[in-house]
Amino acid sequence: MQTESYRHGDVILHLIEHMAVRGLKRIPGGKLAQGTATGHSHTLTTPDNAALYELPDGKGRLLVVKKRVGLKHQEHKTIMLSPGYYRVSIKRQYDAVLGQRNVAD
């Protein structure tokens, strides 16, 4: 079975079948990720078309797209996401001193 995935800089989105949102903390504003080095952000073009939730394991977020929405960033081309459930994660890298960590954008 092939999984549909999207990469937008250091943000990775995996289309999943479904995930219950009951009990998950909703994150307002439509910002999927904030760059730590540049201050740039990965944001939705029309945040009312989607809902973003924090996953309980602390290792990602869930994006529920209700209507087609764009994902934009100052250094990347805007991509369009179709309705569905997406697990959102940040690309990780290995640092000899710090170990595994999120890529700094």
PDB file of N, CA and C in Angstrom:
ATOM      1  N   MET A   1       0.834  -1.177   0.000  1.00  0.00           N
ATOM      2  CA  MET A   1       0.000   0.000   0.000  1.00  0.00           C
ATOM      3  C   MET A   1       0.885   1.249   0.000  1.00  0.00           C
ATOM      4  N   GLN A   2       0.649   2.167  -0.910  1.00  0.00           N
ATOM      5  CA  GLN A   2       1.441   3.373  -1.033  1.00  0.00           C
ATOM      6  C   GLN A   2       0.775   4.507  -0.257  1.00  0.00           C
ATOM      7  N   THR A   3       1.567   5.236   0.521  1.00  0.00           N
ATOM      8  CA  THR A   3       1.063   6.347   1.306  1.00  0.00           C
ATOM      9  C   THR A   3       1.315   7.640   0.556  1.00  0.00           C
ATOM     10  N   GLU A   4       0.320   8.513   0.520  1.00  0.00           N
ATOM     11  CA  GLU A   4       0.481   9.810  -0.114  1.00  0.00           C
ATOM     12  C   GLU A   4       1.108  10.760   0.897  1.00  0.00           C
ATOM     13  N   SER A   5       2.239  11.372   0.513  1.00  0.00           N
ATOM     14  CA  SER A   5       2.958  12.283   1.391  1.00  0.00           C
ATOM     15  C   SER A   5       3.312  13.558   0.636  1.00  0.00           C
ATOM     16  N   TYR A   6       3.469  14.619   1.396  1.00  0.00           N
ATOM     17  CA  TYR A   6       3.880  15.910   0.845  1.00  0.00           C
ATOM     18  C   TYR A   6       5.004  16.447   1.700  1.00  0.00           C
ATOM     19  N   ARG A   7       5.962  17.089   1.039  1.00  0.00           N
ATOM     20  CA  ARG A   7       7.050  17.738   1.775  1.00  0.00           C
ATOM     21  C   ARG A   7       7.031  19.201   1.394  1.00  0.00           C
ATOM     22  N   HIS A   8       7.071  20.060   2.401  1.00  0.00           N
ATOM     23  CA  HIS A   8       7.070  21.505   2.210  1.00  0.00           C
ATOM     24  C   HIS A   8       8.211  22.040   3.052  1.00  0.00           C
ATOM     25  N   GLY A   9       9.435  22.050   2.461  1.00  0.00           N
ATOM     26  CA  GLY A   9      10.613  22.400   3.241  1.00  0.00           C
ATOM     27  C   GLY A   9      10.842  21.338   4.291  1.00  0.00           C
ATOM     28  N   ASP A  10      10.923  21.750   5.561  1.00  0.00           N
ATOM     29  CA  ASP A  10      11.154  20.798   6.641  1.00  0.00           C
ATOM     30  C   ASP A  10       9.867  20.220   7.221  1.00  0.00           C
ATOM     31  N   VAL A  11       8.706  20.605   6.684  1.00  0.00           N
ATOM     32  CA  VAL A  11       7.419  20.076   7.132  1.00  0.00           C
ATOM     33  C   VAL A  11       7.011  18.910   6.229  1.00  0.00           C
ATOM     34  N   ILE A  12       6.632  17.801   6.846  1.00  0.00           N
ATOM     35  CA  ILE A  12       6.212  16.615   6.117  1.00  0.00           C
ATOM     36  C   ILE A  12       4.768  16.308   6.499  1.00  0.00           C
ATOM     37  N   LEU A  13       3.941  16.073   5.488  1.00  0.00           N
ATOM     38  CA  LEU A  13       2.530  15.738   5.710  1.00  0.00           C
ATOM     39  C   LEU A  13       2.257  14.372   5.117  1.00  0.00           C
ATOM     40  N   HIS A  14       1.678  13.482   5.925  1.00  0.00           N
ATOM     41  CA  HIS A  14       1.294  12.147   5.472  1.00  0.00           C
ATOM     42  C   HIS A  14      -0.224  12.067   5.499  1.00  0.00           C
ATOM     43  N   LEU A  15      -0.820  11.785   4.351  1.00  0.00           N
ATOM     44  CA  LEU A  15      -2.267  11.599   4.277  1.00  0.00           C
ATOM     45  C   LEU A  15      -2.611  10.277   4.956  1.00  0.00           C
ATOM     46  N   ILE A  16      -3.525  10.340   5.922  1.00  0.00           N
ATOM     47  CA  ILE A  16      -3.943   9.139   6.634  1.00  0.00           C
ATOM     48  C   ILE A  16      -5.442   8.943   6.425  1.00  0.00           C
ATOM     49  N   GLU A  17      -5.943   7.752   6.732  1.00  0.00           N
ATOM     50  CA  GLU A  17      -7.357   7.465   6.493  1.00  0.00           C
ATOM     51  C   GLU A  17      -8.275   8.301   7.362  1.00  0.00           C
ATOM     52  N   HIS A  18      -8.059   8.282   8.647  1.00  0.00           N
ATOM     53  CA  HIS A  18      -8.939   8.997   9.565  1.00  0.00           C
ATOM     54  C   HIS A  18      -8.312   8.968  10.950  1.00  0.00           C
ATOM     55  N   MET A  19      -8.611   9.968  11.743  1.00  0.00           N
ATOM     56  CA  MET A  19      -8.183   9.970  13.132  1.00  0.00           C
ATOM     57  C   MET A  19      -9.215  10.755  13.932  1.00  0.00           C
ATOM     58  N   ALA A  20      -9.631  10.224  15.037  1.00  0.00           N
ATOM     59  CA  ALA A  20     -10.602  10.916  15.885  1.00  0.00           C
ATOM     60  C   ALA A  20      -9.959  12.155  16.496  1.00  0.00           C
ATOM     61  N   VAL A  21     -10.691  13.250  16.509  1.00  0.00           N
ATOM     62  CA  VAL A  21     -10.162  14.499  17.060  1.00  0.00           C
ATOM     63  C   VAL A  21     -10.685  14.779  18.466  1.00  0.00           C
ATOM     64  N   ARG A  22     -11.641  13.988  18.915  1.00  0.00           N
ATOM     65  CA  ARG A  22     -12.194  14.196  20.259  1.00  0.00           C
ATOM     66  C   ARG A  22     -11.078  14.107  21.300  1.00  0.00           C
ATOM     67  N   GLY A  23     -10.993  15.115  22.149  1.00  0.00           N
ATOM     68  CA  GLY A  23      -9.988  15.139  23.198  1.00  0.00           C
ATOM     69  C   GLY A  23      -8.656  15.745  22.783  1.00  0.00           C
ATOM     70  N   LEU A  24      -8.460  16.019  21.493  1.00  0.00           N
ATOM     71  CA  LEU A  24      -7.212  16.634  21.049  1.00  0.00           C
ATOM     72  C   LEU A  24      -7.285  18.155  21.211  1.00  0.00           C
ATOM     73  N   LYS A  25      -6.153  18.762  21.549  1.00  0.00           N
ATOM     74  CA  LYS A  25      -6.083  20.209  21.716  1.00  0.00           C
ATOM     75  C   LYS A  25      -6.000  20.873  20.341  1.00  0.00           C
ATOM     76  N   ARG A  26      -6.953  21.778  20.074  1.00  0.00           N
ATOM     77  CA  ARG A  26      -6.957  22.490  18.794  1.00  0.00           C
ATOM     78  C   ARG A  26      -5.986  23.666  18.854  1.00  0.00           C
ATOM     79  N   ILE A  27      -5.240  23.851  17.764  1.00  0.00           N
ATOM     80  CA  ILE A  27      -4.276  24.944  17.656  1.00  0.00           C
ATOM     81  C   ILE A  27      -4.859  25.979  16.705  1.00  0.00           C
ATOM     82  N   PRO A  28      -5.174  27.178  17.195  1.00  0.00           N
ATOM     83  CA  PRO A  28      -5.774  28.202  16.328  1.00  0.00           C
ATOM     84  C   PRO A  28      -4.734  28.876  15.430  1.00  0.00           C
ATOM     85  N   GLY A  29      -5.204  29.510  14.355  1.00  0.00           N
ATOM     86  CA  GLY A  29      -4.346  30.357  13.545  1.00  0.00           C
ATOM     87  C   GLY A  29      -3.846  29.796  12.235  1.00  0.00           C
ATOM     88  N   GLY A  30      -3.829  28.501  12.050  1.00  0.00           N
ATOM     89  CA  GLY A  30      -3.405  27.935  10.781  1.00  0.00           C
ATOM     90  C   GLY A  30      -1.908  27.910  10.543  1.00  0.00           C
ATOM     91  N   LYS A  31      -1.097  27.994  11.601  1.00  0.00           N
ATOM     92  CA  LYS A  31       0.360  27.936  11.451  1.00  0.00           C
ATOM     93  C   LYS A  31       0.829  26.530  11.795  1.00  0.00           C
ATOM     94  N   LEU A  32       1.322  25.797  10.776  1.00  0.00           N
ATOM     95  CA  LEU A  32       1.770  24.428  11.001  1.00  0.00           C
ATOM     96  C   LEU A  32       3.121  24.370  11.693  1.00  0.00           C
ATOM     97  N   ALA A  33       4.020  25.298  11.350  1.00  0.00           N
ATOM     98  CA  ALA A  33       5.357  25.306  11.939  1.00  0.00           C
ATOM     99  C   ALA A  33       5.948  26.702  11.845  1.00  0.00           C
ATOM    100  N   GLN A  34       6.722  27.062  12.856  1.00  0.00           N
ATOM    101  CA  GLN A  34       7.424  28.343  12.908  1.00  0.00           C
ATOM    102  C   GLN A  34       8.911  28.060  12.830  1.00  0.00           C
ATOM    103  N   GLY A  35       9.604  28.735  11.917  1.00  0.00           N
ATOM    104  CA  GLY A  35      11.042  28.546  11.792  1.00  0.00           C
ATOM    105  C   GLY A  35      11.782  29.072  12.998  1.00  0.00           C
ATOM    106  N   THR A  36      12.732  28.290  13.497  1.00  0.00           N
ATOM    107  CA  THR A  36      13.505  28.712  14.664  1.00  0.00           C
ATOM    108  C   THR A  36      14.694  29.577  14.271  1.00  0.00           C
ATOM    109  N   ALA A  37      15.231  29.366  13.089  1.00  0.00           N
ATOM    110  CA  ALA A  37      16.405  30.130  12.651  1.00  0.00           C
ATOM    111  C   ALA A  37      16.023  31.387  11.865  1.00  0.00           C
ATOM    112  N   THR A  38      15.024  31.272  10.993  1.00  0.00           N
ATOM    113  CA  THR A  38      14.678  32.388  10.108  1.00  0.00           C
ATOM    114  C   THR A  38      13.448  33.158  10.548  1.00  0.00           C
ATOM    115  N   GLY A  39      12.610  32.537  11.358  1.00  0.00           N
ATOM    116  CA  GLY A  39      11.351  33.161  11.740  1.00  0.00           C
ATOM    117  C   GLY A  39      10.259  32.979  10.707  1.00  0.00           C
ATOM    118  N   HIS A  40      10.582  32.355   9.576  1.00  0.00           N
ATOM    119  CA  HIS A  40       9.573  32.079   8.557  1.00  0.00           C
ATOM    120  C   HIS A  40       8.610  31.019   9.082  1.00  0.00           C
ATOM    121  N   SER A  41       7.416  30.970   8.496  1.00  0.00           N
ATOM    122  CA  SER A  41       6.447  30.001   8.979  1.00  0.00           C
ATOM    123  C   SER A  41       5.740  29.291   7.829  1.00  0.00           C
ATOM    124  N   HIS A  42       5.277  28.094   8.110  1.00  0.00           N
ATOM    125  CA  HIS A  42       4.458  27.303   7.197  1.00  0.00           C
ATOM    126  C   HIS A  42       3.017  27.537   7.647  1.00  0.00           C
ATOM    127  N   THR A  43       2.240  28.259   6.845  1.00  0.00           N
ATOM    128  CA  THR A  43       0.880  28.625   7.239  1.00  0.00           C
ATOM    129  C   THR A  43      -0.117  28.287   6.139  1.00  0.00           C
ATOM    130  N   LEU A  44      -1.365  28.112   6.561  1.00  0.00           N
ATOM    131  CA  LEU A  44      -2.441  27.832   5.620  1.00  0.00           C
ATOM    132  C   LEU A  44      -2.944  29.133   5.015  1.00  0.00           C
ATOM    133  N   THR A  45      -3.255  29.100   3.720  1.00  0.00           N
ATOM    134  CA  THR A  45      -3.737  30.301   3.038  1.00  0.00           C
ATOM    135  C   THR A  45      -5.137  30.675   3.478  1.00  0.00           C
ATOM    136  N   THR A  46      -5.960  29.699   3.775  1.00  0.00           N
ATOM    137  CA  THR A  46      -7.322  29.935   4.263  1.00  0.00           C
ATOM    138  C   THR A  46      -7.537  29.043   5.484  1.00  0.00           C
ATOM    139  N   PRO A  47      -7.134  29.512   6.683  1.00  0.00           N
ATOM    140  CA  PRO A  47      -7.190  28.667   7.868  1.00  0.00           C
ATOM    141  C   PRO A  47      -8.589  28.184   8.240  1.00  0.00           C
ATOM    142  N   ASP A  48      -9.630  28.876   7.792  1.00  0.00           N
ATOM    143  CA  ASP A  48     -10.990  28.430   8.103  1.00  0.00           C
ATOM    144  C   ASP A  48     -11.359  27.143   7.361  1.00  0.00           C
ATOM    145  N   ASN A  49     -10.570  26.764   6.356  1.00  0.00           N
ATOM    146  CA  ASN A  49     -10.839  25.543   5.590  1.00  0.00           C
ATOM    147  C   ASN A  49     -10.253  24.297   6.239  1.00  0.00           C
ATOM    148  N   ALA A  50      -9.589  24.474   7.381  1.00  0.00           N
ATOM    149  CA  ALA A  50      -8.927  23.341   8.025  1.00  0.00           C
ATOM    150  C   ALA A  50      -8.884  23.543   9.535  1.00  0.00           C
ATOM    151  N   ALA A  51      -8.539  22.486  10.240  1.00  0.00           N
ATOM    152  CA  ALA A  51      -8.354  22.541  11.690  1.00  0.00           C
ATOM    153  C   ALA A  51      -7.068  21.805  12.030  1.00  0.00           C
ATOM    154  N   LEU A  52      -6.284  22.392  12.935  1.00  0.00           N
ATOM    155  CA  LEU A  52      -5.001  21.828  13.327  1.00  0.00           C
ATOM    156  C   LEU A  52      -5.079  21.412  14.796  1.00  0.00           C
ATOM    157  N   TYR A  53      -4.588  20.204  15.100  1.00  0.00           N
ATOM    158  CA  TYR A  53      -4.645  19.673  16.458  1.00  0.00           C
ATOM    159  C   TYR A  53      -3.270  19.171  16.879  1.00  0.00           C
ATOM    160  N   GLU A  54      -2.986  19.267  18.174  1.00  0.00           N
ATOM    161  CA  GLU A  54      -1.763  18.705  18.757  1.00  0.00           C
ATOM    162  C   GLU A  54      -2.025  17.243  19.051  1.00  0.00           C
ATOM    163  N   LEU A  55      -1.127  16.361  18.623  1.00  0.00           N
ATOM    164  CA  LEU A  55      -1.282  14.938  18.903  1.00  0.00           C
ATOM    165  C   LEU A  55      -0.843  14.634  20.336  1.00  0.00           C
ATOM    166  N   PRO A  56      -1.458  13.657  20.981  1.00  0.00           N
ATOM    167  CA  PRO A  56      -1.166  13.394  22.390  1.00  0.00           C
ATOM    168  C   PRO A  56       0.253  12.916  22.653  1.00  0.00           C
ATOM    169  N   ASP A  57       0.919  12.325  21.656  1.00  0.00           N
ATOM    170  CA  ASP A  57       2.271  11.821  21.876  1.00  0.00           C
ATOM    171  C   ASP A  57       3.314  12.927  21.815  1.00  0.00           C
ATOM    172  N   GLY A  58       2.903  14.154  21.480  1.00  0.00           N
ATOM    173  CA  GLY A  58       3.824  15.286  21.422  1.00  0.00           C
ATOM    174  C   GLY A  58       4.787  15.236  20.254  1.00  0.00           C
ATOM    175  N   LYS A  59       4.557  14.328  19.323  1.00  0.00           N
ATOM    176  CA  LYS A  59       5.489  14.164  18.209  1.00  0.00           C
ATOM    177  C   LYS A  59       4.885  14.550  16.874  1.00  0.00           C
ATOM    178  N   GLY A  60       3.963  15.467  16.904  1.00  0.00           N
ATOM    179  CA  GLY A  60       3.383  15.885  15.640  1.00  0.00           C
ATOM    180  C   GLY A  60       2.030  16.522  15.840  1.00  0.00           C
ATOM    181  N   ARG A  61       1.427  16.804  14.730  1.00  0.00           N
ATOM    182  CA  ARG A  61       0.121  17.437  14.720  1.00  0.00           C
ATOM    183  C   ARG A  61      -0.771  16.734  13.713  1.00  0.00           C
ATOM    184  N   LEU A  62      -2.049  16.975  13.845  1.00  0.00           N
ATOM    185  CA  LEU A  62      -3.031  16.453  12.908  1.00  0.00           C
ATOM    186  C   LEU A  62      -3.680  17.638  12.215  1.00  0.00           C
ATOM    187  N   LEU A  63      -3.671  17.628  10.897  1.00  0.00           N
ATOM    188  CA  LEU A  63      -4.318  18.660  10.099  1.00  0.00           C
ATOM    189  C   LEU A  63      -5.531  18.033   9.431  1.00  0.00           C
ATOM    190  N   VAL A  64      -6.710  18.580   9.718  1.00  0.00           N
ATOM    191  CA  VAL A  64      -7.939  18.105   9.101  1.00  0.00           C
ATOM    192  C   VAL A  64      -8.369  19.167   8.097  1.00  0.00           C
ATOM    193  N   VAL A  65      -8.262  18.836   6.813  1.00  0.00           N
ATOM    194  CA  VAL A  65      -8.612  19.769   5.740  1.00  0.00           C
ATOM    195  C   VAL A  65     -10.052  19.499   5.327  1.00  0.00           C
ATOM    196  N   LYS A  66     -10.898  20.524   5.485  1.00  0.00           N
ATOM    197  CA  LYS A  66     -12.325  20.398   5.141  1.00  0.00           C
ATOM    198  C   LYS A  66     -12.579  20.794   3.695  1.00  0.00           C
ATOM    199  N   LYS A  67     -11.914  21.863   3.245  1.00  0.00           N
ATOM    200  CA  LYS A  67     -11.990  22.340   1.862  1.00  0.00           C
ATOM    201  C   LYS A  67     -10.564  22.582   1.393  1.00  0.00           C
ATOM    202  N   ARG A  68     -10.341  22.434   0.104  1.00  0.00           N
ATOM    203  CA  ARG A  68      -9.004  22.621  -0.479  1.00  0.00           C
ATOM    204  C   ARG A  68      -8.336  23.857   0.116  1.00  0.00           C
ATOM    205  N   VAL A  69      -7.061  23.720   0.493  1.00  0.00           N
ATOM    206  CA  VAL A  69      -6.340  24.788   1.163  1.00  0.00           C
ATOM    207  C   VAL A  69      -4.889  24.822   0.689  1.00  0.00           C
ATOM    208  N   GLY A  70      -4.295  25.997   0.674  1.00  0.00           N
ATOM    209  CA  GLY A  70      -2.895  26.143   0.309  1.00  0.00           C
ATOM    210  C   GLY A  70      -2.016  26.160   1.551  1.00  0.00           C
ATOM    211  N   LEU A  71      -0.788  25.658   1.402  1.00  0.00           N
ATOM    212  CA  LEU A  71       0.223  25.728   2.453  1.00  0.00           C
ATOM    213  C   LEU A  71       1.351  26.576   1.906  1.00  0.00           C
ATOM    214  N   LYS A  72       1.626  27.711   2.579  1.00  0.00           N
ATOM    215  CA  LYS A  72       2.618  28.656   2.054  1.00  0.00           C
ATOM    216  C   LYS A  72       3.776  28.845   3.028  1.00  0.00           C
ATOM    217  N   HIS A  73       4.883  29.320   2.469  1.00  0.00           N
ATOM    218  CA  HIS A  73       6.115  29.621   3.206  1.00  0.00           C
ATOM    219  C   HIS A  73       6.876  30.646   2.388  1.00  0.00           C
ATOM    220  N   GLN A  74       7.628  31.484   3.044  1.00  0.00           N
ATOM    221  CA  GLN A  74       8.345  32.551   2.356  1.00  0.00           C
ATOM    222  C   GLN A  74       9.410  32.046   1.382  1.00  0.00           C
ATOM    223  N   GLU A  75       9.913  30.839   1.571  1.00  0.00           N
ATOM    224  CA  GLU A  75      10.993  30.324   0.715  1.00  0.00           C
ATOM    225  C   GLU A  75      10.580  29.153  -0.170  1.00  0.00           C
ATOM    226  N   HIS A  76       9.305  28.750  -0.123  1.00  0.00           N
ATOM    227  CA  HIS A  76       8.848  27.596  -0.896  1.00  0.00           C
ATOM    228  C   HIS A  76       7.607  27.951  -1.694  1.00  0.00           C
ATOM    229  N   LYS A  77       7.387  27.233  -2.755  1.00  0.00           N
ATOM    230  CA  LYS A  77       6.179  27.393  -3.547  1.00  0.00           C
ATOM    231  C   LYS A  77       4.978  26.902  -2.739  1.00  0.00           C
ATOM    232  N   THR A  78       3.863  27.597  -2.842  1.00  0.00           N
ATOM    233  CA  THR A  78       2.636  27.182  -2.165  1.00  0.00           C
ATOM    234  C   THR A  78       2.163  25.863  -2.761  1.00  0.00           C
ATOM    235  N   ILE A  79       1.794  24.928  -1.884  1.00  0.00           N
ATOM    236  CA  ILE A  79       1.223  23.664  -2.349  1.00  0.00           C
ATOM    237  C   ILE A  79      -0.240  23.623  -1.929  1.00  0.00           C
ATOM    238  N   MET A  80      -1.037  22.895  -2.691  1.00  0.00           N
ATOM    239  CA  MET A  80      -2.462  22.772  -2.408  1.00  0.00           C
ATOM    240  C   MET A  80      -2.739  21.396  -1.802  1.00  0.00           C
ATOM    241  N   LEU A  81      -3.542  21.401  -0.750  1.00  0.00           N
ATOM    242  CA  LEU A  81      -3.924  20.158  -0.083  1.00  0.00           C
ATOM    243  C   LEU A  81      -5.412  19.919  -0.266  1.00  0.00           C
ATOM    244  N   SER A  82      -5.758  18.713  -0.640  1.00  0.00           N
ATOM    245  CA  SER A  82      -7.155  18.318  -0.806  1.00  0.00           C
ATOM    246  C   SER A  82      -7.741  17.940   0.547  1.00  0.00           C
ATOM    247  N   PRO A  83      -9.067  17.902   0.653  1.00  0.00           N
ATOM    248  CA  PRO A  83      -9.686  17.496   1.912  1.00  0.00           C
ATOM    249  C   PRO A  83      -9.182  16.127   2.371  1.00  0.00           C
ATOM    250  N   GLY A  84      -8.983  16.017   3.669  1.00  0.00           N
ATOM    251  CA  GLY A  84      -8.513  14.767   4.254  1.00  0.00           C
ATOM    252  C   GLY A  84      -7.837  15.002   5.583  1.00  0.00           C
ATOM    253  N   TYR A  85      -7.264  13.925   6.123  1.00  0.00           N
ATOM    254  CA  TYR A  85      -6.562  13.948   7.402  1.00  0.00           C
ATOM    255  C   TYR A  85      -5.068  13.790   7.123  1.00  0.00           C
ATOM    256  N   TYR A  86      -4.254  14.689   7.678  1.00  0.00           N
ATOM    257  CA  TYR A  86      -2.813  14.668   7.451  1.00  0.00           C
ATOM    258  C   TYR A  86      -2.074  14.673   8.787  1.00  0.00           C
ATOM    259  N   ARG A  87      -1.150  13.741   8.947  1.00  0.00           N
ATOM    260  CA  ARG A  87      -0.261  13.792  10.109  1.00  0.00           C
ATOM    261  C   ARG A  87       0.897  14.702   9.722  1.00  0.00           C
ATOM    262  N   VAL A  88       1.147  15.711  10.541  1.00  0.00           N
ATOM    263  CA  VAL A  88       2.166  16.724  10.263  1.00  0.00           C
ATOM    264  C   VAL A  88       3.366  16.473  11.167  1.00  0.00           C
ATOM    265  N   SER A  89       4.548  16.402  10.570  1.00  0.00           N
ATOM    266  CA  SER A  89       5.771  16.250  11.360  1.00  0.00           C
ATOM    267  C   SER A  89       6.862  17.140  10.778  1.00  0.00           C
ATOM    268  N   ILE A  90       7.890  17.332  11.562  1.00  0.00           N
ATOM    269  CA  ILE A  90       9.029  18.151  11.154  1.00  0.00           C
ATOM    270  C   ILE A  90      10.193  17.220  10.855  1.00  0.00           C
ATOM    271  N   LYS A  91      10.879  17.486   9.741  1.00  0.00           N
ATOM    272  CA  LYS A  91      12.038  16.678   9.358  1.00  0.00           C
ATOM    273  C   LYS A  91      13.051  16.701  10.501  1.00  0.00           C
ATOM    274  N   ARG A  92      13.648  15.537  10.763  1.00  0.00           N
ATOM    275  CA  ARG A  92      14.620  15.427  11.853  1.00  0.00           C
ATOM    276  C   ARG A  92      16.005  15.170  11.289  1.00  0.00           C
ATOM    277  N   GLN A  93      17.001  15.545  12.070  1.00  0.00           N
ATOM    278  CA  GLN A  93      18.383  15.296  11.669  1.00  0.00           C
ATOM    279  C   GLN A  93      19.173  14.856  12.897  1.00  0.00           C
ATOM    280  N   TYR A  94      20.301  14.210  12.622  1.00  0.00           N
ATOM    281  CA  TYR A  94      21.144  13.746  13.715  1.00  0.00           C
ATOM    282  C   TYR A  94      22.283  14.724  13.920  1.00  0.00           C
ATOM    283  N   ASP A  95      22.507  15.113  15.172  1.00  0.00           N
ATOM    284  CA  ASP A  95      23.614  15.975  15.565  1.00  0.00           C
ATOM    285  C   ASP A  95      24.458  15.169  16.548  1.00  0.00           C
ATOM    286  N   ALA A  96      25.779  15.097  16.322  1.00  0.00           N
ATOM    287  CA  ALA A  96      26.648  14.274  17.150  1.00  0.00           C
ATOM    288  C   ALA A  96      26.607  14.670  18.622  1.00  0.00           C
ATOM    289  N   VAL A  97      26.376  15.934  18.907  1.00  0.00           N
ATOM    290  CA  VAL A  97      26.336  16.413  20.289  1.00  0.00           C
ATOM    291  C   VAL A  97      24.920  16.335  20.869  1.00  0.00           C
ATOM    292  N   LEU A  98      23.938  16.783  20.089  1.00  0.00           N
ATOM    293  CA  LEU A  98      22.567  16.893  20.582  1.00  0.00           C
ATOM    294  C   LEU A  98      21.714  15.655  20.308  1.00  0.00           C
ATOM    295  N   GLY A  99      22.167  14.768  19.430  1.00  0.00           N
ATOM    296  CA  GLY A  99      21.377  13.612  19.053  1.00  0.00           C
ATOM    297  C   GLY A  99      20.305  13.986  18.033  1.00  0.00           C
ATOM    298  N   GLN A 100      19.190  13.262  18.033  1.00  0.00           N
ATOM    299  CA  GLN A 100      18.099  13.546  17.103  1.00  0.00           C
ATOM    300  C   GLN A 100      17.436  14.869  17.464  1.00  0.00           C
ATOM    301  N   ARG A 101      17.177  15.699  16.457  1.00  0.00           N
ATOM    302  CA  ARG A 101      16.487  16.962  16.705  1.00  0.00           C
ATOM    303  C   ARG A 101      15.790  17.406  15.439  1.00  0.00           C
ATOM    304  N   ASN A 102      14.814  18.303  15.573  1.00  0.00           N
ATOM    305  CA  ASN A 102      14.128  18.849  14.418  1.00  0.00           C
ATOM    306  C   ASN A 102      15.094  19.715  13.618  1.00  0.00           C
ATOM    307  N   VAL A 103      14.908  19.735  12.307  1.00  0.00           N
ATOM    308  CA  VAL A 103      15.706  20.597  11.451  1.00  0.00           C
ATOM    309  C   VAL A 103      15.380  22.040  11.805  1.00  0.00           C
ATOM    310  N   ALA A 104      16.399  22.886  11.919  1.00  0.00           N
ATOM    311  CA  ALA A 104      16.180  24.307  12.208  1.00  0.00           C
ATOM    312  C   ALA A 104      15.951  25.042  10.900  1.00  0.00           C
ATOM    313  N   ASP A 105      14.825  25.744  10.813  1.00  0.00           N
ATOM    314  CA  ASP A 105      14.472  26.498   9.621  1.00  0.00           C
ATOM    315  C   ASP A 105      14.707  27.971   9.875  1.00  0.00           C
TER     316      ASP A 105
END
